[in-house]
Every structure is written in C-alpha cells, then in structure tokens.
PDB file of all heavy atoms in Angstrom:
ATOM      1  N   PRO A   1     105.869 102.228  80.518  1.00  0.00           N
ATOM      2  CA  PRO A   1     106.177 103.667  80.388  1.00  0.00           C
ATOM      3  C   PRO A   1     105.376 104.338  79.279  1.00  0.00           C
ATOM      4  O   PRO A   1     104.886 105.460  79.449  1.00  0.00           O
ATOM      5  CB  PRO A   1     107.684 103.677  80.094  1.00  0.00           C
ATOM      6  CG  PRO A   1     108.202 102.423  80.715  1.00  0.00           C
ATOM      7  CD  PRO A   1     107.108 101.409  80.507  1.00  0.00           C
ATOM      8  N   LEU A   2     105.223 103.663  78.138  1.00  0.00           N
ATOM      9  CA  LEU A   2     104.446 104.209  77.029  1.00  0.00           C
ATOM     10  C   LEU A   2     102.971 104.281  77.394  1.00  0.00           C
ATOM     11  O   LEU A   2     102.329 105.327  77.209  1.00  0.00           O
ATOM     12  CB  LEU A   2     104.632 103.352  75.781  1.00  0.00           C
ATOM     13  CG  LEU A   2     103.754 103.725  74.564  1.00  0.00           C
ATOM     14  CD1 LEU A   2     104.093 105.119  74.058  1.00  0.00           C
ATOM     15  CD2 LEU A   2     103.915 102.690  73.449  1.00  0.00           C
ATOM     16  N   TYR A   3     102.412 103.191  77.945  1.00  0.00           N
ATOM     17  CA  TYR A   3     100.987 103.164  78.270  1.00  0.00           C
ATOM     18  C   TYR A   3     100.657 104.184  79.359  1.00  0.00           C
ATOM     19  O   TYR A   3      99.624 104.858  79.292  1.00  0.00           O
ATOM     20  CB  TYR A   3     100.566 101.760  78.733  1.00  0.00           C
ATOM     21  CG  TYR A   3     100.922 100.642  77.776  1.00  0.00           C
ATOM     22  CD1 TYR A   3     101.117  99.335  78.230  1.00  0.00           C
ATOM     23  CD2 TYR A   3     101.087 100.886  76.420  1.00  0.00           C
ATOM     24  CE1 TYR A   3     101.443  98.318  77.356  1.00  0.00           C
ATOM     25  CE2 TYR A   3     101.417  99.864  75.530  1.00  0.00           C
ATOM     26  CZ  TYR A   3     101.607  98.579  76.018  1.00  0.00           C
ATOM     27  OH  TYR A   3     101.952  97.565  75.156  1.00  0.00           O
ATOM     28  N   GLY A   4     101.529 104.295  80.355  1.00  0.00           N
ATOM     29  CA  GLY A   4     101.289 105.256  81.432  1.00  0.00           C
ATOM     30  C   GLY A   4     101.294 106.689  80.939  1.00  0.00           C
ATOM     31  O   GLY A   4     100.468 107.510  81.347  1.00  0.00           O
ATOM     32  N   ASP A   5     102.233 107.026  80.049  1.00  0.00           N
ATOM     33  CA  ASP A   5     102.319 108.378  79.514  1.00  0.00           C
ATOM     34  C   ASP A   5     101.111 108.697  78.634  1.00  0.00           C
ATOM     35  O   ASP A   5     100.545 109.797  78.719  1.00  0.00           O
ATOM     36  CB  ASP A   5     103.611 108.553  78.718  1.00  0.00           C
ATOM     37  CG  ASP A   5     103.785 109.972  78.192  1.00  0.00           C
ATOM     38  OD1 ASP A   5     103.974 110.882  79.029  1.00  0.00           O
ATOM     39  OD2 ASP A   5     103.702 110.174  76.971  1.00  0.00           O
ATOM     40  N   MET A   6     100.703 107.743  77.799  1.00  0.00           N
ATOM     41  CA  MET A   6      99.539 107.967  76.946  1.00  0.00           C
ATOM     42  C   MET A   6      98.272 108.114  77.785  1.00  0.00           C
ATOM     43  O   MET A   6      97.390 108.923  77.470  1.00  0.00           O
ATOM     44  CB  MET A   6      99.389 106.815  75.943  1.00  0.00           C
ATOM     45  CG  MET A   6     100.517 106.720  74.926  1.00  0.00           C
ATOM     46  SD  MET A   6     100.686 108.183  73.886  1.00  0.00           S
ATOM     47  CE  MET A   6      99.225 108.046  72.857  1.00  0.00           C
ATOM     48  N   SER A   7      98.194 107.355  78.868  1.00  0.00           N
ATOM     49  CA  SER A   7      97.058 107.481  79.774  1.00  0.00           C
ATOM     50  C   SER A   7      97.004 108.875  80.394  1.00  0.00           C
ATOM     51  O   SER A   7      95.933 109.491  80.468  1.00  0.00           O
ATOM     52  CB  SER A   7      97.141 106.425  80.874  1.00  0.00           C
ATOM     53  OG  SER A   7      96.125 106.602  81.843  1.00  0.00           O
ATOM     54  N   SER A   8      98.153 109.387  80.823  1.00  0.00           N
ATOM     55  CA  SER A   8      98.208 110.730  81.408  1.00  0.00           C
ATOM     56  C   SER A   8      97.746 111.787  80.410  1.00  0.00           C
ATOM     57  O   SER A   8      97.071 112.754  80.775  1.00  0.00           O
ATOM     58  CB  SER A   8      99.629 111.048  81.877  1.00  0.00           C
ATOM     59  OG  SER A   8     100.036 110.207  82.889  1.00  0.00           O
ATOM     60  N   ARG A   9      98.095 111.614  79.140  1.00  0.00           N
ATOM     61  CA  ARG A   9      97.684 112.559  78.112  1.00  0.00           C
ATOM     62  C   ARG A   9      96.168 112.539  77.909  1.00  0.00           C
ATOM     63  O   ARG A   9      95.538 113.588  77.769  1.00  0.00           O
ATOM     64  CB  ARG A   9      98.400 112.253  76.795  1.00  0.00           C
ATOM     65  CG  ARG A   9      99.919 112.391  76.885  1.00  0.00           C
ATOM     66  CD  ARG A   9     100.590 112.144  75.553  1.00  0.00           C
ATOM     67  NE  ARG A   9     102.046 112.186  75.687  1.00  0.00           N
ATOM     68  CZ  ARG A   9     102.879 112.583  74.742  1.00  0.00           C
ATOM     69  NH1 ARG A   9     102.424 112.968  73.574  1.00  0.00           N
ATOM     70  NH2 ARG A   9     104.187 112.585  74.943  1.00  0.00           N
ATOM     71  N   VAL A  10      95.596 111.323  77.911  1.00  0.00           N
ATOM     72  CA  VAL A  10      94.148 111.199  77.749  1.00  0.00           C
ATOM     73  C   VAL A  10      93.433 111.853  78.928  1.00  0.00           C
ATOM     74  O   VAL A  10      92.481 112.620  78.742  1.00  0.00           O
ATOM     75  CB  VAL A  10      93.738 109.719  77.614  1.00  0.00           C
ATOM     76  CG1 VAL A  10      92.213 109.583  77.672  1.00  0.00           C
ATOM     77  CG2 VAL A  10      94.262 109.128  76.308  1.00  0.00           C
ATOM     78  N   MET A  11      93.882 111.561  80.144  1.00  0.00           N
ATOM     79  CA  MET A  11      93.241 112.119  81.337  1.00  0.00           C
ATOM     80  C   MET A  11      93.387 113.642  81.390  1.00  0.00           C
ATOM     81  O   MET A  11      92.489 114.351  81.845  1.00  0.00           O
ATOM     82  CB  MET A  11      93.821 111.485  82.613  1.00  0.00           C
ATOM     83  CG  MET A  11      93.689 109.958  82.670  1.00  0.00           C
ATOM     84  SD  MET A  11      91.995 109.384  82.384  1.00  0.00           S
ATOM     85  CE  MET A  11      92.248 107.623  82.077  1.00  0.00           C
ATOM     86  N   GLY A  12      94.510 114.142  80.921  1.00  0.00           N
ATOM     87  CA  GLY A  12      94.703 115.588  80.854  1.00  0.00           C
ATOM     88  C   GLY A  12      93.717 116.258  79.919  1.00  0.00           C
ATOM     89  O   GLY A  12      93.228 117.371  80.198  1.00  0.00           O
ATOM     90  N   ILE A  13      93.393 115.600  78.816  1.00  0.00           N
ATOM     91  CA  ILE A  13      92.398 116.134  77.880  1.00  0.00           C
ATOM     92  C   ILE A  13      91.009 116.134  78.523  1.00  0.00           C
ATOM     93  O   ILE A  13      90.250 117.094  78.385  1.00  0.00           O
ATOM     94  CB  ILE A  13      92.394 115.313  76.578  1.00  0.00           C
ATOM     95  CG1 ILE A  13      93.731 115.482  75.840  1.00  0.00           C
ATOM     96  CG2 ILE A  13      91.241 115.725  75.673  1.00  0.00           C
ATOM     97  CD1 ILE A  13      93.908 114.550  74.654  1.00  0.00           C
ATOM     98  N   LEU A  14      90.679 115.078  79.247  1.00  0.00           N
ATOM     99  CA  LEU A  14      89.369 114.985  79.887  1.00  0.00           C
ATOM    100  C   LEU A  14      89.157 116.108  80.895  1.00  0.00           C
ATOM    101  O   LEU A  14      88.038 116.601  81.055  1.00  0.00           O
ATOM    102  CB  LEU A  14      89.217 113.624  80.585  1.00  0.00           C
ATOM    103  CG  LEU A  14      89.156 112.400  79.659  1.00  0.00           C
ATOM    104  CD1 LEU A  14      89.029 111.120  80.485  1.00  0.00           C
ATOM    105  CD2 LEU A  14      88.005 112.501  78.671  1.00  0.00           C
ATOM    106  N   GLU A  15      90.220 116.517  81.570  1.00  0.00           N
ATOM    107  CA  GLU A  15      90.118 117.592  82.552  1.00  0.00           C
ATOM    108  C   GLU A  15      89.808 118.936  81.911  1.00  0.00           C
ATOM    109  O   GLU A  15      89.443 119.887  82.612  1.00  0.00           O
ATOM    110  CB  GLU A  15      91.409 117.667  83.367  1.00  0.00           C
ATOM    111  CG  GLU A  15      91.605 116.472  84.303  1.00  0.00           C
ATOM    112  CD  GLU A  15      92.956 116.466  84.980  1.00  0.00           C
ATOM    113  OE1 GLU A  15      93.802 117.325  84.609  1.00  0.00           O
ATOM    114  OE2 GLU A  15      93.191 115.609  85.857  1.00  0.00           O
ATOM    115  N   GLN A  16      89.938 119.029  80.584  1.00  0.00           N
ATOM    116  CA  GLN A  16      89.583 120.256  79.875  1.00  0.00           C
ATOM    117  C   GLN A  16      88.074 120.389  79.685  1.00  0.00           C
ATOM    118  O   GLN A  16      87.583 121.476  79.387  1.00  0.00           O
ATOM    119  CB  GLN A  16      90.283 120.294  78.512  1.00  0.00           C
ATOM    120  CG  GLN A  16      91.798 120.294  78.588  1.00  0.00           C
ATOM    121  CD  GLN A  16      92.440 120.222  77.222  1.00  0.00           C
ATOM    122  OE1 GLN A  16      91.764 120.243  76.186  1.00  0.00           O
ATOM    123  NE2 GLN A  16      93.768 120.121  77.188  1.00  0.00           N
ATOM    124  N   PHE A  17      87.349 119.297  79.851  1.00  0.00           N
ATOM    125  CA  PHE A  17      85.916 119.304  79.599  1.00  0.00           C
ATOM    126  C   PHE A  17      85.077 119.467  80.871  1.00  0.00           C
ATOM    127  O   PHE A  17      83.942 119.910  80.805  1.00  0.00           O
ATOM    128  CB  PHE A  17      85.510 118.018  78.874  1.00  0.00           C
ATOM    129  CG  PHE A  17      85.982 117.963  77.443  1.00  0.00           C
ATOM    130  CD1 PHE A  17      87.209 117.412  77.126  1.00  0.00           C
ATOM    131  CD2 PHE A  17      85.199 118.472  76.425  1.00  0.00           C
ATOM    132  CE1 PHE A  17      87.657 117.368  75.808  1.00  0.00           C
ATOM    133  CE2 PHE A  17      85.627 118.439  75.100  1.00  0.00           C
ATOM    134  CZ  PHE A  17      86.871 117.887  74.801  1.00  0.00           C
ATOM    135  N   THR A  18      85.630 119.082  82.004  1.00  0.00           N
ATOM    136  CA  THR A  18      84.950 119.250  83.291  1.00  0.00           C
ATOM    137  C   THR A  18      85.980 119.148  84.411  1.00  0.00           C
ATOM    138  O   THR A  18      86.945 118.374  84.296  1.00  0.00           O
ATOM    139  CB  THR A  18      83.846 118.199  83.494  1.00  0.00           C
ATOM    140  OG1 THR A  18      83.294 118.338  84.811  1.00  0.00           O
ATOM    141  CG2 THR A  18      84.380 116.801  83.331  1.00  0.00           C
ATOM    142  N   PRO A  19      85.793 119.896  85.496  1.00  0.00           N
ATOM    143  CA  PRO A  19      86.743 119.793  86.606  1.00  0.00           C
ATOM    144  C   PRO A  19      86.562 118.528  87.436  1.00  0.00           C
ATOM    145  O   PRO A  19      87.456 118.158  88.203  1.00  0.00           O
ATOM    146  CB  PRO A  19      86.434 121.038  87.442  1.00  0.00           C
ATOM    147  CG  PRO A  19      84.999 121.359  87.140  1.00  0.00           C
ATOM    148  CD  PRO A  19      84.789 120.966  85.701  1.00  0.00           C
ATOM    149  N   ASP A  20      85.424 117.866  87.274  1.00  0.00           N
ATOM    150  CA  ASP A  20      85.124 116.683  88.074  1.00  0.00           C
ATOM    151  C   ASP A  20      85.450 115.413  87.284  1.00  0.00           C
ATOM    152  O   ASP A  20      84.624 114.897  86.528  1.00  0.00           O
ATOM    153  CB  ASP A  20      83.654 116.683  88.494  1.00  0.00           C
ATOM    154  CG  ASP A  20      83.305 117.897  89.356  1.00  0.00           C
ATOM    155  OD1 ASP A  20      84.012 118.152  90.330  1.00  0.00           O
ATOM    156  OD2 ASP A  20      82.327 118.605  89.024  1.00  0.00           O
ATOM    157  N   VAL A  21      86.674 114.931  87.456  1.00  0.00           N
ATOM    158  CA  VAL A  21      87.151 113.741  86.753  1.00  0.00           C
ATOM    159  C   VAL A  21      87.653 112.730  87.779  1.00  0.00           C
ATOM    160  O   VAL A  21      88.467 113.054  88.640  1.00  0.00           O
ATOM    161  CB  VAL A  21      88.278 114.078  85.756  1.00  0.00           C
ATOM    162  CG1 VAL A  21      88.794 112.802  85.085  1.00  0.00           C
ATOM    163  CG2 VAL A  21      87.792 115.070  84.711  1.00  0.00           C
ATOM    164  N   GLU A  22      87.170 111.503  87.684  1.00  0.00           N
ATOM    165  CA  GLU A  22      87.638 110.405  88.519  1.00  0.00           C
ATOM    166  C   GLU A  22      88.345 109.391  87.636  1.00  0.00           C
ATOM    167  O   GLU A  22      87.715 108.704  86.829  1.00  0.00           O
ATOM    168  CB  GLU A  22      86.477 109.734  89.255  1.00  0.00           C
ATOM    169  CG  GLU A  22      86.896 108.518  90.083  1.00  0.00           C
ATOM    170  CD  GLU A  22      85.729 107.674  90.546  1.00  0.00           C
ATOM    171  OE1 GLU A  22      84.609 108.235  90.691  1.00  0.00           O
ATOM    172  OE2 GLU A  22      85.908 106.461  90.744  1.00  0.00           O
ATOM    173  N   VAL A  23      89.664 109.303  87.751  1.00  0.00           N
ATOM    174  CA  VAL A  23      90.431 108.313  86.985  1.00  0.00           C
ATOM    175  C   VAL A  23      90.156 106.945  87.588  1.00  0.00           C
ATOM    176  O   VAL A  23      90.592 106.646  88.700  1.00  0.00           O
ATOM    177  CB  VAL A  23      91.935 108.639  87.000  1.00  0.00           C
ATOM    178  CG1 VAL A  23      92.701 107.584  86.208  1.00  0.00           C
ATOM    179  CG2 VAL A  23      92.195 110.035  86.437  1.00  0.00           C
ATOM    180  N   TYR A  24      89.434 106.118  86.867  1.00  0.00           N
ATOM    181  CA  TYR A  24      88.998 104.834  87.393  1.00  0.00           C
ATOM    182  C   TYR A  24      90.042 103.743  87.162  1.00  0.00           C
ATOM    183  O   TYR A  24      90.214 102.852  87.987  1.00  0.00           O
ATOM    184  CB  TYR A  24      87.668 104.441  86.762  1.00  0.00           C
ATOM    185  CG  TYR A  24      87.052 103.196  87.356  1.00  0.00           C
ATOM    186  CD1 TYR A  24      86.581 103.194  88.671  1.00  0.00           C
ATOM    187  CD2 TYR A  24      86.953 102.026  86.617  1.00  0.00           C
ATOM    188  CE1 TYR A  24      86.024 102.049  89.227  1.00  0.00           C
ATOM    189  CE2 TYR A  24      86.403 100.882  87.154  1.00  0.00           C
ATOM    190  CZ  TYR A  24      85.937 100.898  88.461  1.00  0.00           C
ATOM    191  OH  TYR A  24      85.393  99.753  89.003  1.00  0.00           O
ATOM    192  N   SER A  25      90.724 103.807  86.035  1.00  0.00           N
ATOM    193  CA  SER A  25      91.799 102.867  85.728  1.00  0.00           C
ATOM    194  C   SER A  25      92.713 103.526  84.705  1.00  0.00           C
ATOM    195  O   SER A  25      92.520 104.690  84.344  1.00  0.00           O
ATOM    196  CB  SER A  25      91.238 101.544  85.196  1.00  0.00           C
ATOM    197  OG  SER A  25      90.653 101.717  83.922  1.00  0.00           O
ATOM    198  N   ILE A  26      93.690 102.796  84.221  1.00  0.00           N
ATOM    199  CA  ILE A  26      94.653 103.368  83.285  1.00  0.00           C
ATOM    200  C   ILE A  26      93.988 103.792  81.982  1.00  0.00           C
ATOM    201  O   ILE A  26      94.477 104.709  81.298  1.00  0.00           O
ATOM    202  CB  ILE A  26      95.801 102.369  82.992  1.00  0.00           C
ATOM    203  CG1 ILE A  26      96.962 103.073  82.257  1.00  0.00           C
ATOM    204  CG2 ILE A  26      95.293 101.159  82.210  1.00  0.00           C
ATOM    205  CD1 ILE A  26      98.201 102.218  82.114  1.00  0.00           C
ATOM    206  N   ASP A  27      92.843 103.188  81.645  1.00  0.00           N
ATOM    207  CA  ASP A  27      92.223 103.483  80.354  1.00  0.00           C
ATOM    208  C   ASP A  27      90.783 103.962  80.433  1.00  0.00           C
ATOM    209  O   ASP A  27      90.096 104.027  79.409  1.00  0.00           O
ATOM    210  CB  ASP A  27      92.304 102.254  79.444  1.00  0.00           C
ATOM    211  CG  ASP A  27      91.517 101.066  79.977  1.00  0.00           C
ATOM    212  OD1 ASP A  27      91.156 101.071  81.180  1.00  0.00           O
ATOM    213  OD2 ASP A  27      91.246 100.125  79.196  1.00  0.00           O
ATOM    214  N   GLU A  28      90.300 104.308  81.617  1.00  0.00           N
ATOM    215  CA  GLU A  28      88.932 104.810  81.714  1.00  0.00           C
ATOM    216  C   GLU A  28      88.788 105.792  82.872  1.00  0.00           C
ATOM    217  O   GLU A  28      89.510 105.733  83.865  1.00  0.00           O
ATOM    218  CB  GLU A  28      87.925 103.663  81.858  1.00  0.00           C
ATOM    219  CG  GLU A  28      88.143 102.763  83.041  1.00  0.00           C
ATOM    220  CD  GLU A  28      87.163 101.594  83.072  1.00  0.00           C
ATOM    221  OE1 GLU A  28      86.007 101.766  82.623  1.00  0.00           O
ATOM    222  OE2 GLU A  28      87.542 100.518  83.581  1.00  0.00           O
ATOM    223  N   ALA A  29      87.825 106.691  82.714  1.00  0.00           N
ATOM    224  CA  ALA A  29      87.591 107.719  83.730  1.00  0.00           C
ATOM    225  C   ALA A  29      86.117 108.118  83.726  1.00  0.00           C
ATOM    226  O   ALA A  29      85.461 108.129  82.678  1.00  0.00           O
ATOM    227  CB  ALA A  29      88.466 108.946  83.472  1.00  0.00           C
ATOM    228  N   PHE A  30      85.620 108.446  84.911  1.00  0.00           N
ATOM    229  CA  PHE A  30      84.274 108.996  85.055  1.00  0.00           C
ATOM    230  C   PHE A  30      84.347 110.519  85.023  1.00  0.00           C
ATOM    231  O   PHE A  30      85.266 111.124  85.593  1.00  0.00           O
ATOM    232  CB  PHE A  30      83.633 108.554  86.373  1.00  0.00           C
ATOM    233  CG  PHE A  30      83.179 107.123  86.398  1.00  0.00           C
ATOM    234  CD1 PHE A  30      83.911 106.164  87.061  1.00  0.00           C
ATOM    235  CD2 PHE A  30      82.006 106.751  85.761  1.00  0.00           C
ATOM    236  CE1 PHE A  30      83.496 104.849  87.099  1.00  0.00           C
ATOM    237  CE2 PHE A  30      81.577 105.430  85.783  1.00  0.00           C
ATOM    238  CZ  PHE A  30      82.319 104.475  86.448  1.00  0.00           C
ATOM    239  N   LEU A  31      83.362 111.136  84.384  1.00  0.00           N
ATOM    240  CA  LEU A  31      83.224 112.582  84.368  1.00  0.00           C
ATOM    241  C   LEU A  31      81.860 112.951  84.930  1.00  0.00           C
ATOM    242  O   LEU A  31      80.865 112.264  84.653  1.00  0.00           O
ATOM    243  CB  LEU A  31      83.339 113.141  82.946  1.00  0.00           C
ATOM    244  CG  LEU A  31      84.732 113.272  82.297  1.00  0.00           C
ATOM    245  CD1 LEU A  31      85.357 111.903  82.067  1.00  0.00           C
ATOM    246  CD2 LEU A  31      84.623 114.013  80.971  1.00  0.00           C
ATOM    247  N   GLN A  32      81.801 113.991  85.728  1.00  0.00           N
ATOM    248  CA  GLN A  32      80.525 114.481  86.229  1.00  0.00           C
ATOM    249  C   GLN A  32      80.271 115.868  85.674  1.00  0.00           C
ATOM    250  O   GLN A  32      81.151 116.736  85.699  1.00  0.00           O
ATOM    251  CB  GLN A  32      80.506 114.517  87.760  1.00  0.00           C
ATOM    252  CG  GLN A  32      79.131 114.855  88.348  1.00  0.00           C
ATOM    253  CD  GLN A  32      79.089 114.730  89.855  1.00  0.00           C
ATOM    254  OE1 GLN A  32      80.126 114.677  90.517  1.00  0.00           O
ATOM    255  NE2 GLN A  32      77.891 114.656  90.425  1.00  0.00           N
TER     256      GLN A  32
END
C-alpha cells in the first residue's frame, strides 16, 4: 500500500512535464 501510493505520486509528477508518459513498472516510466 505504501509503495503503490508513493509510485502514484511519482507518476503524477511526471505527467506535469509531458503528456506522453508510459508507466513501465512501479518505479520507472518512459517520457516522450
């Protein structure tokens, strides 16, 4: 529950930098 919530927060921040975000795993994401 803690790791999943923290992951969601990180991914939410990444979406502020570009609309093209691919969540690859719980701790990494691709941005275009």
